N, C-alpha and C. Protein backbone atom coordinates (compact mmCIF):
# COMPACT_ATOMS: atom_id res chain seq x y z
N MET A 1 5.91 -51.28 35.40
CA MET A 1 6.72 -50.83 34.94
C MET A 1 7.68 -50.81 35.14
N ASP A 2 8.87 -51.29 34.74
CA ASP A 2 9.88 -51.77 35.35
C ASP A 2 11.12 -50.67 34.59
N SER A 3 12.06 -50.41 35.41
CA SER A 3 13.44 -49.31 35.30
C SER A 3 13.91 -49.68 34.08
N THR A 4 13.87 -51.13 33.37
CA THR A 4 14.47 -51.25 32.32
C THR A 4 13.91 -50.46 30.91
N VAL A 5 12.51 -50.79 31.30
CA VAL A 5 11.91 -50.46 29.93
C VAL A 5 11.90 -48.49 29.83
N LEU A 6 12.62 -47.67 30.75
CA LEU A 6 12.47 -46.32 30.77
C LEU A 6 13.58 -46.25 29.27
N ASP A 7 12.80 -45.24 28.17
CA ASP A 7 13.67 -44.75 27.54
C ASP A 7 14.12 -43.85 27.65
N ARG A 8 15.63 -42.90 26.79
CA ARG A 8 15.87 -41.66 27.34
C ARG A 8 14.79 -40.36 27.25
N PHE A 9 14.18 -40.50 26.77
CA PHE A 9 12.49 -39.36 27.09
C PHE A 9 11.84 -39.73 28.40
N ASP A 10 11.88 -40.61 29.02
CA ASP A 10 11.48 -40.96 29.80
C ASP A 10 12.28 -40.50 31.01
N ARG A 11 13.72 -40.91 31.12
CA ARG A 11 15.09 -40.24 31.42
C ARG A 11 15.03 -39.01 31.83
N ALA A 12 14.78 -38.25 30.20
CA ALA A 12 14.81 -36.81 30.49
C ALA A 12 13.65 -35.91 31.21
N ILE A 13 12.48 -36.60 30.99
CA ILE A 13 11.52 -36.32 31.99
C ILE A 13 11.89 -35.96 33.33
N LEU A 14 12.02 -37.26 33.98
CA LEU A 14 12.19 -37.18 35.42
C LEU A 14 13.43 -36.46 35.54
N GLN A 15 14.62 -36.46 35.15
CA GLN A 15 15.67 -35.48 35.70
C GLN A 15 15.42 -33.95 35.37
N VAL A 16 14.58 -33.54 34.73
CA VAL A 16 14.03 -31.86 34.55
C VAL A 16 13.00 -32.08 35.63
N MET A 17 11.85 -32.76 35.91
CA MET A 17 10.89 -32.73 36.81
C MET A 17 11.69 -32.91 38.27
N ALA A 18 12.42 -33.43 38.57
CA ALA A 18 13.36 -33.69 39.64
C ALA A 18 13.80 -32.07 40.38
N THR A 19 14.29 -31.78 39.26
CA THR A 19 14.88 -29.91 39.15
C THR A 19 14.00 -28.72 38.89
N ASP A 20 12.78 -29.21 38.68
CA ASP A 20 11.84 -27.78 38.26
C ASP A 20 10.58 -28.73 38.20
N ALA A 21 9.66 -29.26 39.11
CA ALA A 21 8.34 -29.54 38.87
C ALA A 21 7.31 -28.93 38.35
N ARG A 22 7.63 -27.53 38.60
CA ARG A 22 6.59 -26.41 37.59
C ARG A 22 6.97 -26.32 36.47
N ILE A 23 7.40 -26.62 36.09
CA ILE A 23 7.88 -26.64 34.40
C ILE A 23 6.74 -26.98 33.98
N SER A 24 6.08 -26.13 32.87
CA SER A 24 4.83 -25.80 31.69
C SER A 24 5.30 -27.34 30.85
N VAL A 25 4.01 -28.35 30.69
CA VAL A 25 4.20 -29.36 29.86
C VAL A 25 5.25 -28.79 28.29
N THR A 26 4.49 -27.85 27.76
CA THR A 26 5.37 -27.33 26.62
C THR A 26 6.62 -26.95 27.13
N ASP A 27 7.19 -26.49 27.86
CA ASP A 27 8.61 -26.14 27.92
C ASP A 27 9.02 -27.42 28.46
N LEU A 28 8.60 -28.39 28.85
CA LEU A 28 9.34 -29.73 29.22
C LEU A 28 9.67 -30.21 27.71
N ALA A 29 8.37 -30.10 26.92
CA ALA A 29 8.77 -31.16 25.98
C ALA A 29 9.54 -30.18 24.99
N GLN A 30 9.93 -28.94 25.04
CA GLN A 30 10.89 -28.58 24.48
C GLN A 30 11.94 -28.72 25.06
N ARG A 31 12.34 -29.23 25.85
CA ARG A 31 13.65 -29.25 26.81
C ARG A 31 13.72 -30.34 26.69
N ILE A 32 13.39 -31.62 26.28
CA ILE A 32 13.64 -33.00 25.90
C ILE A 32 13.33 -33.42 24.80
N GLY A 33 12.86 -32.81 23.47
CA GLY A 33 12.90 -32.95 22.10
C GLY A 33 11.87 -33.75 21.55
N LEU A 34 10.51 -33.42 22.23
CA LEU A 34 9.50 -34.53 21.87
C LEU A 34 8.36 -33.32 21.90
N SER A 35 7.45 -33.40 20.75
CA SER A 35 6.18 -32.71 20.87
C SER A 35 5.33 -32.41 22.49
N LYS A 36 4.43 -31.78 22.52
CA LYS A 36 3.57 -31.63 23.88
C LYS A 36 2.98 -32.49 24.20
N SER A 37 2.25 -33.44 22.95
CA SER A 37 0.93 -34.56 23.72
C SER A 37 2.19 -35.93 23.88
N PRO A 38 2.94 -36.21 23.11
CA PRO A 38 3.31 -37.49 24.00
C PRO A 38 4.35 -37.01 25.18
N THR A 39 4.85 -36.17 25.22
CA THR A 39 5.35 -35.65 26.53
C THR A 39 4.30 -35.54 27.73
N GLN A 40 3.35 -35.25 27.61
CA GLN A 40 2.44 -35.31 28.34
C GLN A 40 1.92 -36.59 28.70
N THR A 41 1.36 -37.61 27.60
CA THR A 41 1.01 -38.95 28.06
C THR A 41 2.54 -39.60 28.31
N ARG A 42 3.38 -39.39 28.43
CA ARG A 42 4.38 -40.32 29.20
C ARG A 42 4.49 -39.45 30.74
N LEU A 43 4.54 -38.37 30.88
CA LEU A 43 4.61 -37.64 32.18
C LEU A 43 3.18 -38.20 33.07
N LYS A 44 1.99 -38.68 32.29
CA LYS A 44 1.06 -39.08 33.16
C LYS A 44 1.11 -40.66 33.46
N ARG A 45 2.10 -41.12 32.28
CA ARG A 45 2.46 -42.55 32.47
C ARG A 45 3.51 -42.43 34.02
N LEU A 46 4.48 -41.69 33.98
CA LEU A 46 5.56 -42.09 34.91
C LEU A 46 4.50 -41.75 36.25
N GLU A 47 3.82 -40.51 35.93
CA GLU A 47 3.22 -40.62 37.51
C GLU A 47 2.29 -41.74 38.05
N GLN A 48 1.82 -42.13 36.80
CA GLN A 48 0.67 -43.42 37.30
C GLN A 48 1.45 -44.41 37.75
N ASP A 49 2.64 -44.72 36.66
CA ASP A 49 3.52 -45.71 37.51
C ASP A 49 4.17 -45.68 38.31
N GLY A 50 4.18 -44.89 39.23
CA GLY A 50 4.95 -44.45 40.36
C GLY A 50 6.15 -43.81 40.39
N TYR A 51 6.69 -43.66 39.26
CA TYR A 51 8.21 -43.01 39.29
C TYR A 51 8.16 -41.55 39.83
N ILE A 52 6.63 -40.93 39.23
CA ILE A 52 6.68 -39.26 40.09
C ILE A 52 5.89 -39.64 41.13
N LYS A 53 5.78 -39.81 42.30
CA LYS A 53 5.28 -39.60 43.35
C LYS A 53 4.65 -38.99 43.86
N GLY A 54 4.92 -37.81 43.71
CA GLY A 54 4.31 -36.36 43.79
C GLY A 54 4.71 -35.59 43.78
N TYR A 55 3.95 -34.00 43.90
CA TYR A 55 4.53 -31.92 43.98
C TYR A 55 4.63 -31.85 45.27
N ARG A 56 5.76 -31.10 45.39
CA ARG A 56 5.11 -30.38 46.41
C ARG A 56 6.17 -29.44 46.81
N ALA A 57 5.80 -27.90 47.73
CA ALA A 57 6.89 -26.93 48.05
C ALA A 57 8.15 -27.47 48.78
N ILE A 58 9.25 -27.06 48.39
CA ILE A 58 10.36 -27.51 48.99
C ILE A 58 10.46 -26.08 50.13
N LEU A 59 10.39 -26.30 50.86
CA LEU A 59 10.87 -24.98 51.99
C LEU A 59 12.22 -24.98 52.57
N ASP A 60 12.29 -23.77 52.73
CA ASP A 60 13.96 -23.33 53.44
C ASP A 60 13.69 -23.94 55.25
N PRO A 61 13.97 -24.90 55.78
CA PRO A 61 13.96 -24.71 57.23
C PRO A 61 15.04 -23.68 58.06
N ILE A 62 15.72 -22.75 56.95
CA ILE A 62 16.53 -21.94 57.72
C ILE A 62 15.72 -20.80 57.99
N ARG A 63 15.06 -20.69 56.81
CA ARG A 63 14.24 -19.34 56.91
C ARG A 63 13.13 -19.55 57.86
N LEU A 64 12.91 -20.89 58.22
CA LEU A 64 11.56 -20.95 59.22
C LEU A 64 12.04 -21.31 60.44
N GLY A 65 13.19 -20.89 60.82
CA GLY A 65 14.47 -21.34 62.24
C GLY A 65 14.54 -22.38 62.65
N LEU A 66 14.45 -23.47 61.76
CA LEU A 66 14.70 -25.08 61.86
C LEU A 66 16.08 -25.14 61.44
N ASP A 67 17.13 -24.91 62.08
CA ASP A 67 18.54 -24.80 61.84
C ASP A 67 18.87 -25.59 62.48
N HIS A 68 18.74 -26.11 63.50
CA HIS A 68 19.53 -27.15 64.42
C HIS A 68 19.36 -28.74 63.64
N VAL A 69 20.34 -29.23 63.32
CA VAL A 69 20.00 -31.03 62.84
C VAL A 69 20.89 -31.68 63.78
N ALA A 70 19.90 -32.71 64.27
CA ALA A 70 20.84 -33.80 65.05
C ALA A 70 20.74 -35.23 64.18
N PHE A 71 21.74 -35.72 64.34
CA PHE A 71 21.25 -37.22 63.64
C PHE A 71 21.36 -38.03 65.01
N VAL A 72 20.70 -39.34 65.11
CA VAL A 72 20.19 -39.84 66.37
C VAL A 72 20.34 -41.11 66.06
N GLN A 73 21.12 -41.80 66.44
CA GLN A 73 21.27 -43.45 66.48
C GLN A 73 20.64 -43.93 67.64
N VAL A 74 19.66 -45.03 67.06
CA VAL A 74 18.62 -45.61 68.05
C VAL A 74 19.19 -47.25 67.97
N ARG A 75 19.29 -47.98 68.98
CA ARG A 75 18.86 -48.93 69.34
C ARG A 75 17.65 -49.54 69.84
N LEU A 76 17.11 -50.26 69.50
CA LEU A 76 16.00 -51.20 70.19
C LEU A 76 16.52 -52.10 71.39
N SER A 77 15.30 -52.82 72.17
CA SER A 77 15.67 -53.41 73.42
C SER A 77 15.16 -55.23 72.52
N ASP A 78 14.02 -54.81 71.35
CA ASP A 78 13.53 -55.60 70.45
C ASP A 78 13.56 -55.35 68.89
N THR A 79 13.91 -56.61 68.54
CA THR A 79 13.98 -56.07 66.94
C THR A 79 12.91 -57.25 65.96
N ARG A 80 12.05 -58.00 67.19
CA ARG A 80 11.23 -58.49 66.37
C ARG A 80 10.32 -57.72 65.26
N GLU A 81 9.31 -58.28 64.42
CA GLU A 81 8.77 -57.34 63.74
C GLU A 81 7.48 -56.36 63.82
N ALA A 82 6.89 -56.88 65.23
CA ALA A 82 6.18 -56.39 65.80
C ALA A 82 6.83 -55.19 66.52
N ALA A 83 7.75 -55.47 67.31
CA ALA A 83 8.52 -53.79 67.61
C ALA A 83 9.05 -53.01 66.42
N LEU A 84 9.30 -53.88 65.27
CA LEU A 84 9.58 -52.46 64.25
C LEU A 84 8.91 -52.11 64.12
N SER A 85 7.64 -52.95 63.96
CA SER A 85 6.27 -51.87 63.25
C SER A 85 6.01 -50.46 64.22
N ALA A 86 5.74 -50.84 65.29
CA ALA A 86 5.68 -50.01 66.67
C ALA A 86 6.42 -48.90 66.75
N PHE A 87 7.72 -49.06 66.12
CA PHE A 87 8.51 -47.87 66.63
C PHE A 87 8.64 -47.19 65.55
N ASN A 88 8.31 -48.03 64.24
CA ASN A 88 8.06 -47.34 62.77
C ASN A 88 7.14 -46.31 62.92
N GLN A 89 5.73 -46.91 63.28
CA GLN A 89 4.72 -46.02 63.46
C GLN A 89 5.04 -44.60 64.52
N GLY A 90 5.21 -45.11 65.86
CA GLY A 90 5.80 -43.99 66.49
C GLY A 90 6.43 -42.49 65.72
N VAL A 91 7.53 -42.97 64.70
CA VAL A 91 8.54 -42.44 64.52
C VAL A 91 7.50 -41.64 63.38
N ARG A 92 6.73 -42.14 62.93
CA ARG A 92 5.86 -41.20 61.65
C ARG A 92 4.81 -40.23 62.23
N GLU A 93 4.86 -40.49 63.55
CA GLU A 93 3.99 -39.44 64.23
C GLU A 93 4.75 -38.18 65.29
N ILE A 94 6.39 -37.92 64.79
CA ILE A 94 6.94 -37.07 65.51
C ILE A 94 7.24 -36.46 64.31
N PRO A 95 6.59 -34.94 63.95
CA PRO A 95 6.96 -33.98 63.07
C PRO A 95 8.45 -33.69 63.19
N GLU A 96 9.12 -33.72 63.94
CA GLU A 96 10.53 -33.00 64.04
C GLU A 96 11.61 -34.13 63.42
N ILE A 97 11.22 -35.36 63.30
CA ILE A 97 12.17 -36.53 62.77
C ILE A 97 11.77 -36.56 60.62
N GLU A 98 12.75 -36.01 60.40
CA GLU A 98 12.94 -35.23 59.12
C GLU A 98 13.05 -36.64 58.31
N GLN A 99 13.69 -37.85 58.78
CA GLN A 99 14.05 -38.71 58.08
C GLN A 99 14.29 -40.20 59.34
N CYS A 100 14.05 -41.23 58.72
CA CYS A 100 14.16 -42.64 59.67
C CYS A 100 14.71 -43.54 58.95
N HIS A 101 16.20 -44.25 59.05
CA HIS A 101 16.18 -45.27 58.35
C HIS A 101 16.60 -46.42 58.99
N MET A 102 16.40 -47.53 58.89
CA MET A 102 16.79 -48.83 59.37
C MET A 102 17.87 -49.40 58.56
N LEU A 103 19.06 -49.25 59.74
CA LEU A 103 20.27 -49.97 59.04
C LEU A 103 20.56 -51.23 59.31
N ALA A 104 21.67 -51.67 58.59
CA ALA A 104 22.31 -53.07 59.09
C ALA A 104 23.77 -52.51 60.14
N ALA A 105 23.59 -52.35 61.23
CA ALA A 105 24.72 -51.50 61.55
C ALA A 105 24.42 -52.07 63.09
N ASP A 106 25.65 -51.40 63.82
CA ASP A 106 25.71 -51.78 65.22
C ASP A 106 24.25 -51.28 66.08
N PHE A 107 23.92 -50.23 65.66
CA PHE A 107 22.14 -49.87 66.14
C PHE A 107 21.60 -50.18 64.98
N ASP A 108 20.26 -50.08 65.54
CA ASP A 108 19.20 -50.25 64.24
C ASP A 108 18.54 -49.09 63.62
N TYR A 109 18.57 -47.93 63.92
CA TYR A 109 17.87 -46.49 63.35
C TYR A 109 18.68 -45.29 63.22
N LEU A 110 18.74 -44.75 62.46
CA LEU A 110 19.42 -43.29 62.15
C LEU A 110 17.84 -42.42 62.23
N LEU A 111 17.99 -41.46 62.60
CA LEU A 111 17.26 -40.57 62.52
C LEU A 111 17.87 -39.21 62.78
N LYS A 112 17.14 -38.37 61.33
CA LYS A 112 17.64 -37.27 61.13
C LYS A 112 16.16 -36.23 62.10
N VAL A 113 16.76 -35.53 62.69
CA VAL A 113 15.83 -34.46 63.81
C VAL A 113 16.36 -32.89 63.29
N ARG A 114 15.12 -32.64 62.90
CA ARG A 114 15.33 -30.45 62.46
C ARG A 114 14.51 -30.24 63.47
N VAL A 115 15.07 -29.10 64.40
CA VAL A 115 14.39 -28.41 65.21
C VAL A 115 15.10 -26.72 65.24
N ARG A 116 14.44 -26.25 66.28
CA ARG A 116 14.99 -24.49 66.13
C ARG A 116 16.23 -24.03 67.17
N ASP A 117 16.64 -25.18 68.02
CA ASP A 117 17.79 -25.08 68.65
C ASP A 117 17.85 -26.19 69.84
N MET A 118 18.89 -26.28 70.73
CA MET A 118 19.41 -27.11 71.36
C MET A 118 18.36 -27.75 72.58
N ALA A 119 17.81 -26.87 73.23
CA ALA A 119 16.38 -26.54 74.20
C ALA A 119 15.48 -27.50 73.58
N ALA A 120 15.11 -27.26 72.43
CA ALA A 120 14.28 -27.91 71.65
C ALA A 120 14.56 -29.41 71.09
N TYR A 121 15.63 -29.28 70.66
CA TYR A 121 16.01 -31.19 70.50
C TYR A 121 16.04 -31.73 71.79
N ARG A 122 16.67 -31.56 72.66
CA ARG A 122 16.30 -32.17 74.00
C ARG A 122 15.02 -32.47 74.57
N SER A 123 14.20 -31.57 74.41
CA SER A 123 12.32 -31.91 74.62
C SER A 123 12.55 -33.25 73.39
N VAL A 124 12.64 -32.83 72.43
CA VAL A 124 12.09 -33.95 71.32
C VAL A 124 12.95 -35.25 71.49
N LEU A 125 14.11 -35.12 72.18
CA LEU A 125 14.79 -36.64 72.58
C LEU A 125 14.04 -37.06 73.64
N GLY A 126 13.90 -36.27 75.07
CA GLY A 126 13.65 -36.94 75.85
C GLY A 126 12.18 -37.00 76.08
N GLU A 127 11.35 -36.56 75.41
CA GLU A 127 9.91 -36.64 75.50
C GLU A 127 9.45 -37.44 74.56
N LYS A 128 9.89 -37.44 73.26
CA LYS A 128 9.15 -38.04 72.12
C LYS A 128 10.12 -39.50 71.60
N ILE A 129 11.71 -39.42 71.46
CA ILE A 129 12.24 -40.02 70.67
C ILE A 129 12.46 -41.24 71.76
N SER A 130 13.04 -41.13 73.18
CA SER A 130 13.07 -41.91 74.28
C SER A 130 11.81 -42.43 74.57
N ALA A 131 10.79 -41.87 74.54
CA ALA A 131 9.56 -42.50 74.59
C ALA A 131 8.97 -43.22 73.85
N LEU A 132 9.71 -43.59 72.40
CA LEU A 132 9.20 -44.81 71.21
C LEU A 132 9.20 -45.93 71.98
N PRO A 133 8.39 -46.68 71.46
CA PRO A 133 8.39 -48.31 71.85
C PRO A 133 9.84 -48.94 71.75
N HIS A 134 10.22 -49.89 72.64
CA HIS A 134 11.55 -50.39 72.51
C HIS A 134 12.66 -49.71 72.41
N VAL A 135 12.62 -48.49 72.36
CA VAL A 135 13.90 -47.84 72.17
C VAL A 135 14.71 -48.04 73.87
N SER A 136 15.86 -48.68 73.43
CA SER A 136 16.90 -48.52 74.54
C SER A 136 18.24 -47.89 74.64
N SER A 137 18.61 -47.35 73.49
CA SER A 137 19.61 -46.45 73.93
C SER A 137 19.70 -45.60 72.61
N THR A 138 19.89 -44.10 72.74
CA THR A 138 20.39 -43.22 71.55
C THR A 138 21.64 -42.54 71.91
N SER A 139 22.28 -42.20 70.88
CA SER A 139 23.47 -41.57 70.38
C SER A 139 23.32 -40.54 69.51
N THR A 140 23.53 -39.17 70.23
CA THR A 140 23.31 -38.07 68.60
C THR A 140 24.74 -37.17 68.71
N TYR A 141 24.46 -36.99 67.24
CA TYR A 141 25.37 -36.22 66.20
C TYR A 141 24.61 -34.92 65.95
N VAL A 142 25.38 -33.83 66.33
CA VAL A 142 25.12 -32.14 65.92
C VAL A 142 25.53 -32.62 64.71
N ALA A 143 24.64 -31.86 63.70
CA ALA A 143 25.58 -31.75 62.03
C ALA A 143 25.79 -29.79 62.64
N MET A 144 27.23 -29.53 62.08
CA MET A 144 27.45 -28.07 61.87
C MET A 144 27.33 -27.54 61.02
N GLN A 145 27.41 -28.14 59.39
CA GLN A 145 26.68 -27.71 58.35
C GLN A 145 25.86 -28.95 57.42
N ALA A 146 25.15 -28.54 56.72
CA ALA A 146 24.76 -29.00 55.66
C ALA A 146 25.60 -28.93 53.99
N VAL A 147 26.36 -29.96 53.97
CA VAL A 147 26.96 -29.84 52.55
C VAL A 147 26.42 -29.93 51.31
N LYS A 148 25.40 -30.98 51.44
CA LYS A 148 24.73 -31.08 50.38
C LYS A 148 23.11 -31.56 50.69
N GLU A 149 22.27 -31.54 50.19
CA GLU A 149 21.16 -31.87 50.68
C GLU A 149 20.35 -31.84 49.30
N GLY A 150 18.96 -32.64 49.47
CA GLY A 150 18.03 -32.98 48.34
C GLY A 150 17.93 -34.14 47.90
N ALA A 151 17.07 -34.47 46.65
CA ALA A 151 16.79 -35.73 46.27
C ALA A 151 17.66 -35.60 44.71
N LEU A 152 17.32 -36.45 43.96
CA LEU A 152 18.00 -36.65 42.83
C LEU A 152 18.27 -35.50 42.25
């Protein structure tokens, strides 16, 4: 399905689901102005077509004691496809890396790392991130406050 074929009801469903995925189909239908059956059909189609990738609980990292956030610039020694794939696979295996983005910049990747404190971060950086395939250098920036986080 192409995004140009999403109508106002599909977009309304996505908007509501992005903020309240636990809403009942009945309440969703009422909020978007359709009856239950077509709303349910549209919701299933949006799931099947990949607009809705899944549902999950959003945990509060601060309450879980994971309030230290660092952003790490990573430069690789090799940027051929095999090296990028090896790095990407390694990143997926480190649970403390919350996000990883390949960038068009003077460095190759930007990582968002979330841990309990600076000692834990130093361990993750020294034992895990620096040991990833083809890492030549890193630079760390510690976040002081999250002003905005979240999805759509």
